[in-house]
N, C-alpha and C. Protein backbone atom coordinates (compact mmCIF):
# COMPACT_ATOMS: atom_id res chain seq x y z
N MET A 1 -63.53 -190.14 -11.08
CA MET A 1 -62.54 -189.31 -11.72
C MET A 1 -62.53 -189.48 -13.24
N GLN A 2 -63.68 -189.75 -13.81
CA GLN A 2 -63.76 -189.92 -15.25
C GLN A 2 -63.59 -188.60 -15.99
N ASP A 3 -63.92 -187.48 -15.37
CA ASP A 3 -63.82 -186.18 -16.02
C ASP A 3 -62.43 -185.56 -15.88
N ASN A 4 -61.49 -186.27 -15.26
CA ASN A 4 -60.14 -185.76 -15.07
C ASN A 4 -59.46 -185.47 -16.40
N TRP A 5 -59.71 -186.27 -17.41
CA TRP A 5 -59.09 -186.06 -18.71
C TRP A 5 -59.59 -184.77 -19.35
N LYS A 6 -60.80 -184.38 -19.04
CA LYS A 6 -61.34 -183.14 -19.60
C LYS A 6 -60.59 -181.93 -19.03
N THR A 7 -60.35 -181.95 -17.74
CA THR A 7 -59.62 -180.86 -17.09
C THR A 7 -58.20 -180.77 -17.64
N LYS A 8 -57.53 -181.92 -17.77
CA LYS A 8 -56.17 -181.94 -18.31
C LYS A 8 -56.14 -181.41 -19.74
N THR A 9 -57.13 -181.80 -20.54
CA THR A 9 -57.18 -181.35 -21.93
C THR A 9 -57.36 -179.84 -22.00
N ILE A 10 -58.24 -179.30 -21.17
CA ILE A 10 -58.47 -177.84 -21.16
C ILE A 10 -57.21 -177.11 -20.72
N LEU A 11 -56.55 -177.59 -19.67
CA LEU A 11 -55.33 -176.94 -19.19
C LEU A 11 -54.21 -176.98 -20.22
N ILE A 12 -54.02 -178.13 -20.85
CA ILE A 12 -52.98 -178.25 -21.87
C ILE A 12 -53.29 -177.34 -23.05
N GLY A 13 -54.54 -177.29 -23.47
CA GLY A 13 -54.94 -176.42 -24.57
C GLY A 13 -54.74 -174.96 -24.24
N ALA A 14 -55.08 -174.57 -23.02
CA ALA A 14 -54.92 -173.17 -22.61
C ALA A 14 -53.45 -172.78 -22.55
N ILE A 15 -52.62 -173.65 -22.02
CA ILE A 15 -51.19 -173.36 -21.94
C ILE A 15 -50.57 -173.32 -23.34
N ALA A 16 -50.94 -174.26 -24.18
CA ALA A 16 -50.42 -174.28 -25.55
C ALA A 16 -50.85 -173.03 -26.30
N GLY A 17 -52.10 -172.62 -26.14
CA GLY A 17 -52.59 -171.41 -26.80
C GLY A 17 -51.86 -170.17 -26.33
N ALA A 18 -51.61 -170.09 -25.04
CA ALA A 18 -50.88 -168.95 -24.50
C ALA A 18 -49.45 -168.90 -25.03
N LEU A 19 -48.80 -170.06 -25.11
CA LEU A 19 -47.43 -170.10 -25.62
C LEU A 19 -47.36 -169.74 -27.10
N VAL A 20 -48.31 -170.22 -27.87
CA VAL A 20 -48.34 -169.89 -29.30
C VAL A 20 -48.61 -168.39 -29.48
N GLY A 21 -49.53 -167.85 -28.70
CA GLY A 21 -49.81 -166.42 -28.77
C GLY A 21 -48.60 -165.58 -28.38
N LEU A 22 -47.89 -166.00 -27.36
CA LEU A 22 -46.67 -165.30 -26.94
C LEU A 22 -45.61 -165.34 -28.03
N ALA A 23 -45.43 -166.50 -28.65
CA ALA A 23 -44.46 -166.62 -29.73
C ALA A 23 -44.84 -165.73 -30.91
N ALA A 24 -46.12 -165.69 -31.25
CA ALA A 24 -46.58 -164.86 -32.36
C ALA A 24 -46.33 -163.38 -32.06
N ALA A 25 -46.60 -162.97 -30.83
CA ALA A 25 -46.36 -161.57 -30.44
C ALA A 25 -44.88 -161.23 -30.50
N MET A 26 -44.04 -162.14 -30.07
CA MET A 26 -42.60 -161.89 -30.12
C MET A 26 -42.11 -161.77 -31.56
N ILE A 27 -42.62 -162.60 -32.45
CA ILE A 27 -42.24 -162.53 -33.86
C ILE A 27 -42.70 -161.20 -34.45
N LEU A 28 -43.92 -160.78 -34.12
CA LEU A 28 -44.45 -159.52 -34.61
C LEU A 28 -43.62 -158.34 -34.11
N ILE A 29 -43.20 -158.38 -32.85
CA ILE A 29 -42.37 -157.32 -32.28
C ILE A 29 -41.00 -157.28 -32.95
N LYS A 30 -40.38 -158.44 -33.14
CA LYS A 30 -39.06 -158.46 -33.79
C LYS A 30 -39.13 -157.92 -35.21
N ASP A 31 -40.20 -158.28 -35.93
CA ASP A 31 -40.37 -157.78 -37.28
C ASP A 31 -40.56 -156.27 -37.29
N ALA A 32 -41.33 -155.76 -36.34
CA ALA A 32 -41.55 -154.32 -36.24
C ALA A 32 -40.26 -153.59 -35.89
N GLU A 33 -39.47 -154.16 -35.00
CA GLU A 33 -38.19 -153.54 -34.64
C GLU A 33 -37.23 -153.53 -35.82
N LYS A 34 -37.26 -154.59 -36.62
CA LYS A 34 -36.39 -154.66 -37.78
C LYS A 34 -36.75 -153.58 -38.80
N ASN A 35 -38.04 -153.28 -38.93
CA ASN A 35 -38.51 -152.27 -39.87
C ASN A 35 -38.60 -150.88 -39.26
N ASN A 36 -38.29 -150.75 -37.98
CA ASN A 36 -38.34 -149.47 -37.25
C ASN A 36 -39.70 -148.80 -37.36
N GLU A 37 -40.75 -149.58 -37.24
CA GLU A 37 -42.11 -149.02 -37.23
C GLU A 37 -43.00 -149.93 -36.39
N PRO A 38 -44.08 -149.37 -35.87
CA PRO A 38 -44.97 -150.20 -35.05
C PRO A 38 -45.63 -151.30 -35.89
N PRO A 39 -45.96 -152.40 -35.24
CA PRO A 39 -46.58 -153.50 -36.00
C PRO A 39 -47.95 -153.09 -36.53
N ARG A 40 -48.25 -153.57 -37.71
CA ARG A 40 -49.56 -153.30 -38.32
C ARG A 40 -50.18 -154.62 -38.72
N LEU A 41 -51.45 -154.73 -38.48
CA LEU A 41 -52.21 -155.91 -38.89
C LEU A 41 -53.47 -155.39 -39.56
N SER A 42 -53.50 -155.51 -40.88
CA SER A 42 -54.65 -155.01 -41.63
C SER A 42 -55.85 -155.93 -41.40
N PRO A 43 -57.05 -155.46 -41.68
CA PRO A 43 -58.22 -156.34 -41.55
C PRO A 43 -58.09 -157.59 -42.40
N GLY A 44 -57.53 -157.45 -43.58
CA GLY A 44 -57.33 -158.62 -44.44
C GLY A 44 -56.38 -159.63 -43.82
N ASP A 45 -55.31 -159.12 -43.21
CA ASP A 45 -54.37 -160.01 -42.52
C ASP A 45 -55.04 -160.70 -41.33
N GLY A 46 -55.89 -159.96 -40.63
CA GLY A 46 -56.61 -160.54 -39.51
C GLY A 46 -57.52 -161.68 -39.94
N VAL A 47 -58.18 -161.49 -41.08
CA VAL A 47 -59.05 -162.55 -41.62
C VAL A 47 -58.22 -163.76 -42.00
N LYS A 48 -57.05 -163.53 -42.62
CA LYS A 48 -56.17 -164.64 -43.00
C LYS A 48 -55.72 -165.43 -41.78
N VAL A 49 -55.34 -164.72 -40.72
CA VAL A 49 -54.91 -165.38 -39.49
C VAL A 49 -56.06 -166.18 -38.89
N GLY A 50 -57.23 -165.56 -38.84
CA GLY A 50 -58.40 -166.26 -38.29
C GLY A 50 -58.75 -167.52 -39.05
N LEU A 51 -58.72 -167.45 -40.37
CA LEU A 51 -59.03 -168.63 -41.18
C LEU A 51 -57.95 -169.70 -41.03
N GLY A 52 -56.70 -169.26 -40.87
CA GLY A 52 -55.63 -170.22 -40.63
C GLY A 52 -55.81 -170.96 -39.31
N VAL A 53 -56.18 -170.23 -38.27
CA VAL A 53 -56.42 -170.85 -36.96
C VAL A 53 -57.60 -171.82 -37.05
N LEU A 54 -58.66 -171.41 -37.74
CA LEU A 54 -59.80 -172.31 -37.91
C LEU A 54 -59.42 -173.56 -38.67
N GLY A 55 -58.55 -173.43 -39.66
CA GLY A 55 -58.08 -174.59 -40.41
C GLY A 55 -57.31 -175.56 -39.53
N VAL A 56 -56.44 -175.01 -38.68
CA VAL A 56 -55.67 -175.87 -37.77
C VAL A 56 -56.61 -176.57 -36.78
N LEU A 57 -57.56 -175.82 -36.24
CA LEU A 57 -58.52 -176.42 -35.31
C LEU A 57 -59.33 -177.52 -35.99
N ARG A 58 -59.69 -177.31 -37.23
CA ARG A 58 -60.44 -178.33 -37.96
C ARG A 58 -59.60 -179.60 -38.14
N LEU A 59 -58.30 -179.41 -38.45
CA LEU A 59 -57.42 -180.56 -38.57
C LEU A 59 -57.30 -181.32 -37.24
N LEU A 60 -57.21 -180.58 -36.14
CA LEU A 60 -57.09 -181.21 -34.83
C LEU A 60 -58.35 -181.97 -34.45
N THR A 61 -59.51 -181.39 -34.74
CA THR A 61 -60.76 -182.03 -34.34
C THR A 61 -61.13 -183.18 -35.25
N ASP A 62 -60.62 -183.18 -36.48
CA ASP A 62 -60.89 -184.29 -37.39
C ASP A 62 -60.23 -185.56 -36.88
N GLY A 63 -59.07 -185.42 -36.29
CA GLY A 63 -58.40 -186.54 -35.66
C GLY A 63 -57.84 -187.56 -36.62
N GLY A 64 -57.87 -187.29 -37.91
CA GLY A 64 -57.33 -188.25 -38.89
C GLY A 64 -58.15 -189.51 -38.99
N GLY A 65 -59.41 -189.46 -38.58
CA GLY A 65 -60.25 -190.65 -38.61
C GLY A 65 -60.79 -191.02 -39.96
N LYS A 66 -60.61 -190.15 -40.94
CA LYS A 66 -61.18 -190.44 -42.26
C LYS A 66 -60.15 -190.99 -43.20
């Protein structure tokens, strides 16, 4: 059962990712409702979000070992 930690890590990561995605969608919907218009995400905003996610992933994988 040495690989059990791998399965737990994948499950926790998948659940955390789903919850963060759900929260982001809810925030986007609330903002759109407040402005009375459908949500818009420009290509530039998409790149910013993607780079932000990559930055967080890099911080997580670095592990503070340096």
